[in-house]
């Protein structure tokens, strides 16, 4: 049995979910949010951001329950997520201590 199939079957049986990769994640933005602010538009109506590659918006879920972290495999509707992924507030602890640039 390949490891990939084993993991899928273990998850189907309700095994504890683990992050896809252990160790440091330099691609995750520093600070409390799932993005890095890049600057405002010229008319100052839009904040341009670089979003964490693991953050995703689940369009089939209701508003304010549709945030999802692919790294943690955790969504707003999951217990323990904090319920603020829709607003791009981190559910992970990666790079929290670093000041946002």
N, C-alpha and C. Protein backbone atom coordinates (compact mmCIF):
# COMPACT_ATOMS: atom_id res chain seq x y z
N UNK A 1 0.85 -1.18 0.00
CA UNK A 1 0.00 0.00 0.00
C UNK A 1 0.90 1.24 0.00
N UNK A 2 0.61 2.17 -0.89
CA UNK A 2 1.41 3.39 -0.95
C UNK A 2 1.06 4.28 0.23
N UNK A 3 2.01 5.12 0.68
CA UNK A 3 1.73 6.01 1.81
C UNK A 3 0.53 6.92 1.56
N UNK A 4 0.37 7.38 0.31
CA UNK A 4 -0.73 8.29 -0.01
C UNK A 4 -2.08 7.62 0.26
N UNK A 5 -2.23 6.37 -0.19
CA UNK A 5 -3.48 5.65 0.04
C UNK A 5 -3.68 5.36 1.52
N UNK A 6 -2.60 5.06 2.20
CA UNK A 6 -2.69 4.79 3.63
C UNK A 6 -3.22 6.02 4.38
N UNK A 7 -2.69 7.19 4.05
CA UNK A 7 -3.12 8.42 4.70
C UNK A 7 -4.61 8.67 4.43
N UNK A 8 -5.03 8.49 3.18
CA UNK A 8 -6.44 8.71 2.85
C UNK A 8 -7.35 7.76 3.63
N UNK A 9 -6.96 6.50 3.71
CA UNK A 9 -7.78 5.53 4.43
C UNK A 9 -7.79 5.83 5.92
N UNK A 10 -6.65 6.23 6.45
CA UNK A 10 -6.59 6.57 7.88
C UNK A 10 -7.49 7.76 8.18
N UNK A 11 -7.49 8.76 7.30
CA UNK A 11 -8.35 9.92 7.50
C UNK A 11 -9.82 9.54 7.38
N UNK A 12 -10.12 8.63 6.47
CA UNK A 12 -11.50 8.18 6.32
C UNK A 12 -11.98 7.46 7.58
N UNK A 13 -11.06 6.81 8.30
CA UNK A 13 -11.42 6.13 9.54
C UNK A 13 -11.47 7.08 10.73
N UNK A 14 -11.17 8.35 10.51
CA UNK A 14 -11.24 9.34 11.58
C UNK A 14 -9.94 9.53 12.33
N UNK A 15 -8.82 9.19 11.72
CA UNK A 15 -7.53 9.40 12.37
C UNK A 15 -7.26 10.88 12.52
N UNK A 16 -6.40 11.23 13.45
CA UNK A 16 -6.03 12.63 13.69
C UNK A 16 -5.37 13.20 12.45
N UNK A 17 -5.81 14.36 12.05
CA UNK A 17 -5.23 15.00 10.86
C UNK A 17 -3.93 15.70 11.23
N UNK A 18 -2.97 15.62 10.35
CA UNK A 18 -1.67 16.24 10.57
C UNK A 18 -1.36 17.15 9.41
N UNK A 19 -0.52 18.17 9.62
CA UNK A 19 -0.13 19.04 8.52
C UNK A 19 0.58 18.25 7.43
N UNK A 20 0.49 18.72 6.22
CA UNK A 20 1.13 18.04 5.10
C UNK A 20 2.65 18.00 5.23
N UNK A 21 3.23 19.05 5.74
CA UNK A 21 4.68 19.13 5.89
C UNK A 21 5.00 19.60 7.30
N UNK A 22 5.94 18.95 7.90
CA UNK A 22 6.41 19.42 9.20
C UNK A 22 7.56 20.39 8.97
N UNK A 23 7.87 21.18 9.96
CA UNK A 23 9.01 22.09 9.87
C UNK A 23 8.60 23.51 9.55
N UNK A 24 9.58 24.36 9.25
CA UNK A 24 9.31 25.78 8.99
C UNK A 24 8.54 25.98 7.69
N UNK A 25 7.78 27.03 7.67
CA UNK A 25 6.98 27.38 6.49
C UNK A 25 7.23 28.84 6.13
N UNK A 26 8.30 29.13 5.41
CA UNK A 26 8.62 30.52 5.08
C UNK A 26 7.60 31.17 4.14
N UNK A 27 6.79 30.36 3.46
CA UNK A 27 5.81 30.92 2.54
C UNK A 27 4.59 31.50 3.25
N UNK A 28 4.45 31.20 4.55
CA UNK A 28 3.32 31.71 5.32
C UNK A 28 3.66 33.12 5.81
N UNK A 29 2.78 34.08 5.57
CA UNK A 29 3.06 35.47 5.96
C UNK A 29 3.28 35.61 7.47
N UNK A 30 4.12 36.56 7.83
CA UNK A 30 4.38 36.87 9.24
C UNK A 30 3.19 37.63 9.82
N UNK A 31 2.99 37.47 11.11
CA UNK A 31 1.94 38.21 11.79
C UNK A 31 0.69 37.38 12.02
N UNK A 32 -0.41 38.07 12.30
CA UNK A 32 -1.67 37.42 12.69
C UNK A 32 -2.58 37.07 11.52
N UNK A 33 -2.24 37.51 10.33
CA UNK A 33 -3.15 37.35 9.19
C UNK A 33 -2.57 36.45 8.11
N UNK A 34 -3.44 35.94 7.24
CA UNK A 34 -3.06 35.05 6.15
C UNK A 34 -2.67 35.84 4.90
N UNK A 35 -2.17 37.03 5.08
CA UNK A 35 -1.75 37.85 3.95
C UNK A 35 -0.69 38.87 4.39
N UNK A 36 -0.01 39.43 3.39
CA UNK A 36 0.94 40.51 3.60
C UNK A 36 0.41 41.72 2.84
N UNK A 37 0.19 42.86 3.50
CA UNK A 37 -0.27 44.04 2.78
C UNK A 37 0.82 44.57 1.85
N UNK A 38 0.45 44.85 0.61
CA UNK A 38 1.42 45.36 -0.37
C UNK A 38 1.27 46.86 -0.60
N UNK A 39 0.11 47.40 -0.31
CA UNK A 39 -0.11 48.83 -0.49
C UNK A 39 -1.51 49.13 -0.98
N UNK A 40 -1.86 50.39 -0.90
CA UNK A 40 -3.18 50.84 -1.31
C UNK A 40 -3.22 51.21 -2.78
N UNK A 41 -4.40 51.13 -3.37
CA UNK A 41 -4.59 51.60 -4.74
C UNK A 41 -4.44 53.12 -4.74
N UNK A 42 -4.32 53.71 -5.93
CA UNK A 42 -4.13 55.17 -6.03
C UNK A 42 -5.28 55.94 -5.41
N UNK A 43 -6.51 55.42 -5.56
CA UNK A 43 -7.66 56.13 -4.99
C UNK A 43 -7.93 55.72 -3.53
N UNK A 44 -7.06 54.89 -2.97
CA UNK A 44 -7.09 54.46 -1.57
C UNK A 44 -8.38 53.73 -1.19
N UNK A 45 -8.98 53.02 -2.16
CA UNK A 45 -10.20 52.27 -1.89
C UNK A 45 -9.94 50.77 -1.78
N UNK A 46 -8.77 50.32 -2.24
CA UNK A 46 -8.46 48.89 -2.27
C UNK A 46 -7.08 48.64 -1.68
N UNK A 47 -7.01 47.72 -0.74
CA UNK A 47 -5.72 47.29 -0.20
C UNK A 47 -5.26 46.06 -0.98
N UNK A 48 -4.12 46.16 -1.63
CA UNK A 48 -3.56 45.03 -2.36
C UNK A 48 -2.77 44.17 -1.38
N UNK A 49 -2.97 42.84 -1.46
CA UNK A 49 -2.32 41.92 -0.52
C UNK A 49 -1.74 40.73 -1.26
N UNK A 50 -0.76 40.09 -0.62
CA UNK A 50 -0.24 38.80 -1.09
C UNK A 50 -0.79 37.76 -0.12
N UNK A 51 -1.66 36.90 -0.60
CA UNK A 51 -2.35 35.92 0.24
C UNK A 51 -1.49 34.68 0.45
N UNK A 52 -1.60 34.09 1.63
CA UNK A 52 -0.91 32.84 1.94
C UNK A 52 -1.32 31.78 0.91
N UNK A 53 -0.38 31.00 0.39
CA UNK A 53 -0.73 29.99 -0.61
C UNK A 53 -1.62 28.88 -0.07
N UNK A 54 -1.72 28.75 1.24
CA UNK A 54 -2.55 27.70 1.84
C UNK A 54 -3.98 28.15 2.12
N UNK A 55 -4.24 29.46 2.06
CA UNK A 55 -5.57 29.99 2.36
C UNK A 55 -6.48 29.83 1.15
N UNK A 56 -7.73 29.49 1.41
CA UNK A 56 -8.69 29.27 0.33
C UNK A 56 -10.07 29.70 0.80
N UNK A 57 -10.86 30.19 -0.10
CA UNK A 57 -12.24 30.57 0.20
C UNK A 57 -13.15 29.52 -0.43
N UNK A 58 -13.98 28.87 0.38
CA UNK A 58 -14.89 27.83 -0.10
C UNK A 58 -16.19 28.49 -0.52
N UNK A 59 -16.38 28.65 -1.81
CA UNK A 59 -17.52 29.40 -2.34
C UNK A 59 -18.86 28.71 -2.10
N UNK A 60 -18.86 27.42 -1.84
CA UNK A 60 -20.10 26.69 -1.60
C UNK A 60 -20.59 26.81 -0.16
N UNK A 61 -19.80 27.43 0.71
CA UNK A 61 -20.19 27.61 2.11
C UNK A 61 -20.79 29.00 2.30
N UNK A 62 -21.60 29.19 3.35
CA UNK A 62 -22.16 30.52 3.62
C UNK A 62 -21.08 31.54 3.99
N UNK A 63 -21.37 32.80 3.77
CA UNK A 63 -20.44 33.88 4.13
C UNK A 63 -20.10 33.77 5.61
N UNK A 64 -18.89 34.11 5.95
CA UNK A 64 -18.33 34.07 7.30
C UNK A 64 -18.21 32.66 7.85
N UNK A 65 -18.35 31.65 6.99
CA UNK A 65 -18.09 30.26 7.35
C UNK A 65 -17.32 29.57 6.23
N UNK A 66 -16.72 30.36 5.34
CA UNK A 66 -16.15 29.78 4.13
C UNK A 66 -14.64 29.87 4.01
N UNK A 67 -13.93 30.23 5.07
CA UNK A 67 -12.48 30.24 5.03
C UNK A 67 -11.92 28.85 5.22
N UNK A 68 -10.76 28.56 4.60
CA UNK A 68 -10.17 27.22 4.70
C UNK A 68 -8.66 27.31 4.60
N UNK A 69 -7.97 26.55 5.46
CA UNK A 69 -6.50 26.46 5.40
C UNK A 69 -6.14 25.08 4.88
N UNK A 70 -5.51 25.04 3.71
CA UNK A 70 -5.13 23.76 3.11
C UNK A 70 -4.01 23.08 3.88
N UNK A 71 -3.14 23.85 4.50
CA UNK A 71 -2.04 23.26 5.27
C UNK A 71 -2.58 22.49 6.47
N UNK A 72 -3.49 23.11 7.19
CA UNK A 72 -4.06 22.48 8.39
C UNK A 72 -5.24 21.57 8.07
N UNK A 73 -5.74 21.68 6.83
CA UNK A 73 -6.97 20.98 6.44
C UNK A 73 -8.10 21.31 7.43
N UNK A 74 -8.28 22.62 7.61
CA UNK A 74 -9.20 23.12 8.62
C UNK A 74 -10.01 24.27 8.03
N UNK A 75 -11.31 24.24 8.26
CA UNK A 75 -12.18 25.31 7.78
C UNK A 75 -12.92 25.98 8.93
N UNK A 76 -13.58 27.08 8.62
CA UNK A 76 -14.32 27.82 9.64
C UNK A 76 -15.39 26.97 10.32
N UNK A 77 -15.93 26.01 9.62
CA UNK A 77 -17.00 25.18 10.19
C UNK A 77 -16.46 24.08 11.10
N UNK A 78 -15.12 23.87 11.12
CA UNK A 78 -14.53 22.85 11.99
C UNK A 78 -14.36 23.39 13.40
N UNK A 79 -14.69 22.57 14.41
CA UNK A 79 -14.42 22.99 15.80
C UNK A 79 -12.92 23.22 15.99
N UNK A 80 -12.57 24.25 16.70
CA UNK A 80 -11.17 24.54 16.97
C UNK A 80 -10.49 25.42 15.95
N UNK A 81 -11.21 25.83 14.92
CA UNK A 81 -10.59 26.67 13.88
C UNK A 81 -10.54 28.13 14.30
N UNK A 82 -11.35 28.51 15.25
CA UNK A 82 -11.44 29.91 15.63
C UNK A 82 -12.51 30.64 14.85
N UNK A 83 -12.90 30.09 13.71
CA UNK A 83 -13.99 30.66 12.92
C UNK A 83 -13.70 31.96 12.23
N UNK A 84 -12.42 32.35 12.11
CA UNK A 84 -12.11 33.64 11.46
C UNK A 84 -11.24 33.48 10.21
N UNK A 85 -11.14 32.27 9.69
CA UNK A 85 -10.38 32.09 8.46
C UNK A 85 -11.00 32.84 7.29
N UNK A 86 -12.32 32.99 7.31
CA UNK A 86 -13.00 33.75 6.24
C UNK A 86 -12.46 35.17 6.17
N UNK A 87 -12.04 35.71 7.31
CA UNK A 87 -11.51 37.07 7.38
C UNK A 87 -9.99 37.08 7.30
N UNK A 88 -9.40 35.94 6.93
CA UNK A 88 -7.96 35.75 6.77
C UNK A 88 -7.18 35.97 8.06
N UNK A 89 -7.79 35.60 9.19
CA UNK A 89 -7.09 35.58 10.47
C UNK A 89 -6.53 34.18 10.64
N UNK A 90 -5.25 34.07 10.95
CA UNK A 90 -4.58 32.77 11.01
C UNK A 90 -5.18 31.83 12.04
N UNK A 91 -5.23 30.55 11.67
CA UNK A 91 -5.58 29.48 12.60
C UNK A 91 -4.32 28.73 12.99
N UNK A 92 -3.24 28.97 12.26
CA UNK A 92 -1.96 28.30 12.55
C UNK A 92 -1.09 29.22 13.41
N UNK A 93 -0.01 28.68 13.88
CA UNK A 93 0.91 29.48 14.71
C UNK A 93 2.21 29.77 13.97
N UNK A 94 2.24 29.52 12.66
CA UNK A 94 3.46 29.74 11.88
C UNK A 94 3.74 31.23 11.71
N UNK A 95 4.96 31.63 12.05
CA UNK A 95 5.47 33.00 11.86
C UNK A 95 4.66 34.06 12.60
N UNK A 96 4.02 33.69 13.69
CA UNK A 96 3.25 34.68 14.47
C UNK A 96 4.15 35.69 15.16
N UNK A 97 5.32 35.25 15.61
CA UNK A 97 6.21 36.12 16.38
C UNK A 97 6.94 37.13 15.52
N UNK A 98 6.95 36.91 14.22
CA UNK A 98 7.66 37.83 13.34
C UNK A 98 6.77 39.03 13.05
N UNK A 99 7.38 40.18 13.00
CA UNK A 99 6.62 41.40 12.68
C UNK A 99 6.23 41.39 11.21
N UNK A 100 5.02 41.78 10.91
CA UNK A 100 4.58 41.87 9.52
C UNK A 100 5.33 43.00 8.84
N UNK A 101 5.71 42.73 7.60
CA UNK A 101 6.48 43.74 6.86
C UNK A 101 5.60 44.77 6.24
